[in-house]
Every structure is written in C-alpha cells, then in structure tokens.
Amino acid sequence: MNEKIPLAPAPETYRLTITAGEHSARHIRRIVRWRLDEWQLAVLTDAVELAVTELVANVVRHVPDRRCSVLVLRRAAGVRVEVTDGSERLPAMPREQDLEAEGGRGLLLVEAVVDRWGVRREPGGGKTVWFECAL
C-alpha cells in the first residue's frame, strides 16, 4: 500500500528572539528566505531580506543590550515582519542626507522596497518596527 500522507501546512508565523550581533542579519535572512519559500512567497524575498537586514542592523547599532524579537507573519496577500526591542528610542527618517555620511539611509531603503512600514511603542516599554510586503 503506497498511500501518500499529506504534509501539514507550513505554520503561518515564525518568531525568533536573539541578542543581535554582527552576523545575525545573515542568519535571519536565511530563515526568512526559507519561510517565504515554504509559503510560496519567494517573489518577496529580495525586499523582505533587505528590510529585515536594516531593522536588525538598527538593533545592533542603537539598542544597548541588542536583544530583539523577529516575527514573520504570513498574510493573505503577502508577509508582515516585526522587529521588537527594549529601546524607547523611535527610529526617525533623516531630514537631509549628508552624502558623505556612513549611515542614516536604512529607513530610506526600507521605505523604498516595502509596501508599508511603521513603528509602535510597546505597553511594557520598548518598540516594534514593522513592515509589510504584498504580492
């Protein structure tokens, strides 16, 4: 008897809590790519990888303990990614860009490649920066 057993559907969410370091973004990109492939959303890979890299890099640069949680949520028409940390400091878009500056372009890149993004304060302290990419 060669009866095929159907595979369970891929979970609709993936959460990872880490202390972000220099190489964390590379590992998170690999996880995001795998999830998007599982959800048949691979067409969103480039935008999601770039945006999550920028958000995790901001944790490394601006959050003293570098602790964060990355949540990847499958949506009906795309994906939502949330990066939560304990810092009260909200990200801000640069008003003017110094062409010689080594940083300060991350949120501009995020805004350019995602469909929507935002930030919310968390009730117990800290913040969540999120973005959505649609098909």
N, C-alpha and C. Protein backbone atom coordinates (compact mmCIF):
# COMPACT_ATOMS: atom_id res chain seq x y z
N MET A 1 0.84 -1.17 0.00
CA MET A 1 0.00 0.00 0.00
C MET A 1 0.89 1.24 0.00
N ASN A 2 0.80 2.04 -1.04
CA ASN A 2 1.59 3.26 -1.19
C ASN A 2 0.72 4.49 -1.03
N GLU A 3 0.10 4.62 0.06
CA GLU A 3 -0.77 5.78 0.30
C GLU A 3 0.08 6.96 0.74
N LYS A 4 -0.09 8.09 0.08
CA LYS A 4 0.67 9.29 0.44
C LYS A 4 0.00 10.00 1.60
N ILE A 5 0.79 10.35 2.56
CA ILE A 5 0.30 11.11 3.70
C ILE A 5 0.55 12.58 3.42
N PRO A 6 -0.51 13.40 3.43
CA PRO A 6 -0.32 14.83 3.13
C PRO A 6 0.53 15.50 4.20
N LEU A 7 1.37 16.42 3.75
CA LEU A 7 2.20 17.19 4.68
C LEU A 7 1.34 18.24 5.37
N ALA A 8 1.67 18.53 6.59
CA ALA A 8 0.97 19.59 7.31
C ALA A 8 1.34 20.92 6.69
N PRO A 9 0.41 21.86 6.66
CA PRO A 9 0.74 23.17 6.09
C PRO A 9 1.81 23.87 6.94
N ALA A 10 2.60 24.69 6.29
CA ALA A 10 3.64 25.44 7.00
C ALA A 10 2.97 26.39 7.99
N PRO A 11 3.52 26.54 9.19
CA PRO A 11 2.94 27.48 10.16
C PRO A 11 2.85 28.88 9.57
N GLU A 12 1.86 29.62 10.01
CA GLU A 12 1.62 30.96 9.49
C GLU A 12 2.54 32.02 10.12
N THR A 13 3.26 31.66 11.17
CA THR A 13 4.15 32.61 11.84
C THR A 13 5.48 31.94 12.16
N TYR A 14 6.49 32.79 12.32
CA TYR A 14 7.79 32.33 12.78
C TYR A 14 8.35 33.41 13.69
N ARG A 15 8.77 33.04 14.90
CA ARG A 15 9.33 34.01 15.85
C ARG A 15 10.71 33.54 16.30
N LEU A 16 11.61 34.51 16.41
CA LEU A 16 12.97 34.26 16.84
C LEU A 16 13.36 35.38 17.81
N THR A 17 13.87 35.02 18.97
CA THR A 17 14.35 36.01 19.94
C THR A 17 15.85 35.81 20.10
N ILE A 18 16.61 36.90 19.90
CA ILE A 18 18.07 36.80 19.89
C ILE A 18 18.70 38.02 20.54
N THR A 19 19.97 37.89 20.84
CA THR A 19 20.83 39.04 21.08
C THR A 19 21.56 39.25 19.76
N ALA A 20 21.21 40.32 19.07
CA ALA A 20 21.72 40.55 17.71
C ALA A 20 23.20 40.88 17.74
N GLY A 21 23.90 40.31 16.80
CA GLY A 21 25.32 40.57 16.66
C GLY A 21 25.66 40.86 15.22
N GLU A 22 26.94 40.93 14.97
CA GLU A 22 27.45 41.28 13.64
C GLU A 22 26.93 40.37 12.53
N HIS A 23 26.74 39.08 12.81
CA HIS A 23 26.35 38.13 11.77
C HIS A 23 24.88 37.71 11.86
N SER A 24 24.11 38.32 12.75
CA SER A 24 22.72 37.92 12.94
C SER A 24 21.87 38.12 11.70
N ALA A 25 22.07 39.21 11.01
CA ALA A 25 21.25 39.51 9.84
C ALA A 25 21.38 38.41 8.79
N ARG A 26 22.56 37.87 8.60
CA ARG A 26 22.77 36.80 7.63
C ARG A 26 21.93 35.58 7.98
N HIS A 27 21.90 35.20 9.26
CA HIS A 27 21.12 34.05 9.70
C HIS A 27 19.61 34.32 9.57
N ILE A 28 19.21 35.53 9.91
CA ILE A 28 17.79 35.88 9.80
C ILE A 28 17.35 35.90 8.34
N ARG A 29 18.19 36.39 7.46
CA ARG A 29 17.85 36.36 6.02
C ARG A 29 17.63 34.92 5.55
N ARG A 30 18.47 34.01 6.00
CA ARG A 30 18.33 32.60 5.61
C ARG A 30 16.99 32.04 6.10
N ILE A 31 16.63 32.36 7.32
CA ILE A 31 15.36 31.89 7.89
C ILE A 31 14.18 32.49 7.13
N VAL A 32 14.24 33.79 6.85
CA VAL A 32 13.16 34.46 6.13
C VAL A 32 13.01 33.86 4.72
N ARG A 33 14.12 33.63 4.06
CA ARG A 33 14.09 33.03 2.71
C ARG A 33 13.42 31.66 2.76
N TRP A 34 13.76 30.86 3.75
CA TRP A 34 13.18 29.53 3.91
C TRP A 34 11.68 29.63 4.14
N ARG A 35 11.26 30.54 5.03
CA ARG A 35 9.83 30.71 5.31
C ARG A 35 9.08 31.16 4.06
N LEU A 36 9.61 32.14 3.36
CA LEU A 36 8.93 32.63 2.16
C LEU A 36 8.82 31.53 1.11
N ASP A 37 9.86 30.71 0.97
CA ASP A 37 9.78 29.57 0.05
C ASP A 37 8.68 28.60 0.48
N GLU A 38 8.63 28.29 1.77
CA GLU A 38 7.61 27.38 2.30
C GLU A 38 6.20 27.91 2.05
N TRP A 39 6.04 29.21 2.12
CA TRP A 39 4.73 29.84 1.96
C TRP A 39 4.44 30.19 0.50
N GLN A 40 5.32 29.82 -0.39
CA GLN A 40 5.19 30.13 -1.82
C GLN A 40 5.11 31.64 -2.06
N LEU A 41 5.94 32.37 -1.32
CA LEU A 41 6.03 33.83 -1.44
C LEU A 41 7.44 34.26 -1.81
N ALA A 42 8.17 33.39 -2.50
CA ALA A 42 9.57 33.66 -2.82
C ALA A 42 9.76 34.95 -3.62
N VAL A 43 8.75 35.38 -4.34
CA VAL A 43 8.86 36.61 -5.12
C VAL A 43 9.14 37.83 -4.22
N LEU A 44 8.84 37.72 -2.94
CA LEU A 44 9.05 38.83 -2.00
C LEU A 44 10.41 38.79 -1.31
N THR A 45 11.20 37.78 -1.60
CA THR A 45 12.45 37.53 -0.87
C THR A 45 13.39 38.73 -0.86
N ASP A 46 13.68 39.32 -1.99
CA ASP A 46 14.66 40.42 -2.03
C ASP A 46 14.25 41.58 -1.13
N ALA A 47 13.01 42.00 -1.23
CA ALA A 47 12.53 43.14 -0.44
C ALA A 47 12.53 42.81 1.05
N VAL A 48 12.03 41.62 1.40
CA VAL A 48 11.95 41.24 2.82
C VAL A 48 13.34 41.09 3.41
N GLU A 49 14.25 40.46 2.69
CA GLU A 49 15.61 40.30 3.20
C GLU A 49 16.29 41.65 3.43
N LEU A 50 16.15 42.55 2.48
CA LEU A 50 16.79 43.86 2.63
C LEU A 50 16.20 44.61 3.83
N ALA A 51 14.88 44.62 3.94
CA ALA A 51 14.24 45.38 5.02
C ALA A 51 14.55 44.78 6.39
N VAL A 52 14.49 43.47 6.54
CA VAL A 52 14.77 42.87 7.84
C VAL A 52 16.24 43.07 8.21
N THR A 53 17.13 43.06 7.23
CA THR A 53 18.55 43.33 7.49
C THR A 53 18.72 44.72 8.08
N GLU A 54 18.05 45.70 7.52
CA GLU A 54 18.16 47.08 8.02
C GLU A 54 17.60 47.20 9.44
N LEU A 55 16.49 46.55 9.71
CA LEU A 55 15.90 46.66 11.06
C LEU A 55 16.78 45.98 12.10
N VAL A 56 17.35 44.84 11.77
CA VAL A 56 18.24 44.15 12.71
C VAL A 56 19.53 44.95 12.88
N ALA A 57 20.04 45.55 11.81
CA ALA A 57 21.23 46.39 11.92
C ALA A 57 20.97 47.57 12.85
N ASN A 58 19.77 48.12 12.82
CA ASN A 58 19.43 49.22 13.73
C ASN A 58 19.44 48.76 15.19
N VAL A 59 19.02 47.53 15.44
CA VAL A 59 19.09 46.99 16.80
C VAL A 59 20.55 46.92 17.23
N VAL A 60 21.41 46.38 16.38
CA VAL A 60 22.83 46.26 16.72
C VAL A 60 23.43 47.64 17.01
N ARG A 61 23.08 48.64 16.21
CA ARG A 61 23.66 49.98 16.36
C ARG A 61 23.07 50.79 17.52
N HIS A 62 21.77 50.65 17.78
CA HIS A 62 21.09 51.61 18.65
C HIS A 62 20.49 51.05 19.94
N VAL A 63 20.44 49.74 20.10
CA VAL A 63 19.84 49.16 21.30
C VAL A 63 20.97 48.65 22.19
N PRO A 64 21.10 49.20 23.40
CA PRO A 64 22.25 48.86 24.25
C PRO A 64 22.43 47.35 24.51
N ASP A 65 21.36 46.61 24.81
CA ASP A 65 21.55 45.18 25.08
C ASP A 65 21.42 44.31 23.82
N ARG A 66 21.05 44.92 22.71
CA ARG A 66 20.93 44.27 21.40
C ARG A 66 19.94 43.10 21.37
N ARG A 67 19.07 43.01 22.38
CA ARG A 67 18.05 41.95 22.40
C ARG A 67 16.90 42.36 21.50
N CYS A 68 16.40 41.41 20.72
CA CYS A 68 15.24 41.69 19.88
C CYS A 68 14.49 40.41 19.57
N SER A 69 13.27 40.59 19.14
CA SER A 69 12.43 39.50 18.69
C SER A 69 12.04 39.81 17.24
N VAL A 70 12.18 38.83 16.38
CA VAL A 70 11.79 38.98 14.97
C VAL A 70 10.59 38.06 14.74
N LEU A 71 9.50 38.64 14.27
CA LEU A 71 8.28 37.89 14.00
C LEU A 71 7.97 38.02 12.51
N VAL A 72 7.79 36.88 11.85
CA VAL A 72 7.44 36.85 10.43
C VAL A 72 6.04 36.25 10.34
N LEU A 73 5.12 37.02 9.77
CA LEU A 73 3.71 36.61 9.70
C LEU A 73 3.28 36.47 8.25
N ARG A 74 2.74 35.34 7.93
CA ARG A 74 2.17 35.16 6.59
C ARG A 74 0.81 35.85 6.56
N ARG A 75 0.57 36.61 5.52
CA ARG A 75 -0.71 37.29 5.33
C ARG A 75 -1.37 36.73 4.07
N ALA A 76 -2.64 37.02 3.90
CA ALA A 76 -3.37 36.52 2.73
C ALA A 76 -2.70 36.96 1.43
N ALA A 77 -2.19 38.18 1.41
CA ALA A 77 -1.61 38.70 0.17
C ALA A 77 -0.17 39.15 0.36
N GLY A 78 0.58 38.47 1.23
CA GLY A 78 1.96 38.86 1.42
C GLY A 78 2.49 38.45 2.77
N VAL A 79 3.36 39.30 3.32
CA VAL A 79 4.03 38.99 4.57
C VAL A 79 4.20 40.26 5.40
N ARG A 80 4.20 40.10 6.72
CA ARG A 80 4.49 41.18 7.65
C ARG A 80 5.64 40.71 8.53
N VAL A 81 6.60 41.60 8.76
CA VAL A 81 7.73 41.32 9.63
C VAL A 81 7.77 42.38 10.72
N GLU A 82 7.96 41.93 11.97
CA GLU A 82 8.06 42.84 13.11
C GLU A 82 9.36 42.58 13.84
N VAL A 83 10.06 43.66 14.19
CA VAL A 83 11.27 43.56 15.00
C VAL A 83 11.01 44.38 16.26
N THR A 84 10.98 43.69 17.41
CA THR A 84 10.68 44.33 18.69
C THR A 84 11.94 44.35 19.54
N ASP A 85 12.20 45.49 20.18
CA ASP A 85 13.34 45.61 21.08
C ASP A 85 12.94 46.41 22.31
N GLY A 86 13.82 46.49 23.28
CA GLY A 86 13.52 47.16 24.53
C GLY A 86 13.84 48.64 24.57
N SER A 87 14.31 49.21 23.49
CA SER A 87 14.70 50.61 23.46
C SER A 87 13.48 51.52 23.28
N GLU A 88 13.46 52.62 24.01
CA GLU A 88 12.39 53.61 23.88
C GLU A 88 12.63 54.54 22.69
N ARG A 89 13.84 54.56 22.18
CA ARG A 89 14.21 55.46 21.07
C ARG A 89 13.52 55.02 19.79
N LEU A 90 12.71 55.90 19.23
CA LEU A 90 12.00 55.59 17.99
C LEU A 90 12.86 55.94 16.78
N PRO A 91 12.76 55.13 15.73
CA PRO A 91 13.52 55.46 14.52
C PRO A 91 12.95 56.70 13.85
N ALA A 92 13.80 57.43 13.20
CA ALA A 92 13.36 58.65 12.52
C ALA A 92 13.97 58.69 11.13
N MET A 93 13.17 59.16 10.19
CA MET A 93 13.67 59.34 8.83
C MET A 93 14.58 60.57 8.82
N PRO A 94 15.71 60.49 8.14
CA PRO A 94 16.59 61.66 8.08
C PRO A 94 15.92 62.80 7.32
N ARG A 95 16.08 64.02 7.84
CA ARG A 95 15.51 65.18 7.16
C ARG A 95 16.31 65.54 5.92
N GLU A 96 17.62 65.58 6.07
CA GLU A 96 18.51 65.83 4.95
C GLU A 96 19.60 64.78 4.99
N GLN A 97 19.99 64.32 3.85
CA GLN A 97 21.01 63.28 3.79
C GLN A 97 22.37 63.87 3.47
N ASP A 98 23.32 63.63 4.35
CA ASP A 98 24.70 64.01 4.11
C ASP A 98 25.30 62.95 3.18
N LEU A 99 25.68 63.33 2.00
CA LEU A 99 26.20 62.38 1.03
C LEU A 99 27.49 61.70 1.50
N GLU A 100 28.20 62.31 2.44
CA GLU A 100 29.43 61.74 2.97
C GLU A 100 29.18 60.85 4.20
N ALA A 101 27.96 60.85 4.73
CA ALA A 101 27.66 60.08 5.94
C ALA A 101 27.77 58.59 5.66
N GLU A 102 28.26 57.84 6.66
CA GLU A 102 28.39 56.40 6.53
C GLU A 102 27.11 55.66 6.87
N GLY A 103 26.16 56.32 7.48
CA GLY A 103 24.91 55.67 7.87
C GLY A 103 23.74 56.60 7.63
N GLY A 104 22.58 56.18 8.12
CA GLY A 104 21.41 57.04 8.04
C GLY A 104 20.51 56.79 6.84
N ARG A 105 20.81 55.77 6.06
CA ARG A 105 19.99 55.50 4.87
C ARG A 105 19.09 54.28 5.02
N GLY A 106 19.19 53.59 6.12
CA GLY A 106 18.47 52.33 6.31
C GLY A 106 16.96 52.46 6.16
N LEU A 107 16.36 53.42 6.83
CA LEU A 107 14.91 53.57 6.73
C LEU A 107 14.48 54.04 5.35
N LEU A 108 15.34 54.81 4.69
CA LEU A 108 15.04 55.20 3.31
C LEU A 108 14.99 53.97 2.41
N LEU A 109 15.91 53.04 2.63
CA LEU A 109 15.90 51.79 1.86
C LEU A 109 14.66 50.97 2.18
N VAL A 110 14.35 50.86 3.46
CA VAL A 110 13.15 50.12 3.85
C VAL A 110 11.93 50.71 3.16
N GLU A 111 11.77 52.01 3.27
CA GLU A 111 10.61 52.67 2.66
C GLU A 111 10.55 52.44 1.14
N ALA A 112 11.71 52.34 0.51
CA ALA A 112 11.75 52.16 -0.95
C ALA A 112 11.35 50.75 -1.39
N VAL A 113 11.55 49.74 -0.55
CA VAL A 113 11.32 48.37 -1.01
C VAL A 113 10.08 47.69 -0.43
N VAL A 114 9.46 48.27 0.60
CA VAL A 114 8.27 47.64 1.19
C VAL A 114 7.02 48.42 0.80
N ASP A 115 5.88 47.81 1.04
CA ASP A 115 4.62 48.49 0.73
C ASP A 115 4.17 49.41 1.86
N ARG A 116 4.42 49.00 3.08
CA ARG A 116 4.06 49.83 4.25
C ARG A 116 5.05 49.51 5.37
N TRP A 117 5.29 50.50 6.22
CA TRP A 117 6.10 50.26 7.41
C TRP A 117 5.69 51.25 8.47
N GLY A 118 6.03 50.93 9.70
CA GLY A 118 5.69 51.83 10.79
C GLY A 118 6.37 51.39 12.08
N VAL A 119 6.03 52.09 13.14
CA VAL A 119 6.60 51.79 14.45
C VAL A 119 5.51 52.01 15.50
N ARG A 120 5.53 51.20 16.54
CA ARG A 120 4.60 51.39 17.66
C ARG A 120 5.35 51.17 18.97
N ARG A 121 4.96 51.94 19.95
CA ARG A 121 5.51 51.74 21.30
C ARG A 121 4.84 50.52 21.92
N GLU A 122 5.59 49.77 22.69
CA GLU A 122 5.04 48.60 23.36
C GLU A 122 4.60 48.99 24.77
N PRO A 123 3.48 48.45 25.25
CA PRO A 123 2.94 48.83 26.56
C PRO A 123 3.93 48.64 27.72
N GLY A 124 4.73 47.59 27.70
CA GLY A 124 5.69 47.34 28.77
C GLY A 124 7.03 48.03 28.56
N GLY A 125 7.14 48.85 27.53
CA GLY A 125 8.39 49.50 27.20
C GLY A 125 8.96 48.94 25.91
N GLY A 126 9.75 49.73 25.27
CA GLY A 126 10.34 49.31 24.00
C GLY A 126 9.45 49.68 22.83
N LYS A 127 9.77 49.10 21.69
CA LYS A 127 9.05 49.43 20.47
C LYS A 127 9.08 48.25 19.50
N THR A 128 8.18 48.32 18.54
CA THR A 128 8.16 47.36 17.44
C THR A 128 8.21 48.15 16.14
N VAL A 129 9.18 47.84 15.30
CA VAL A 129 9.24 48.41 13.95
C VAL A 129 8.77 47.28 13.03
N TRP A 130 7.84 47.58 12.16
CA TRP A 130 7.23 46.55 11.31
C TRP A 130 7.21 47.01 9.85
N PHE A 131 7.09 46.03 8.97
CA PHE A 131 6.86 46.35 7.56
C PHE A 131 6.04 45.24 6.92
N GLU A 132 5.40 45.59 5.81
CA GLU A 132 4.60 44.63 5.06
C GLU A 132 5.01 44.68 3.59
N CYS A 133 5.06 43.51 2.99
CA CYS A 133 5.30 43.39 1.55
C CYS A 133 4.14 42.59 0.98
N ALA A 134 3.52 43.14 -0.06
CA ALA A 134 2.38 42.49 -0.68
C ALA A 134 2.78 41.89 -2.02
N LEU A 135 2.02 40.89 -2.42
CA LEU A 135 2.24 40.27 -3.74
C LEU A 135 1.85 41.22 -4.83
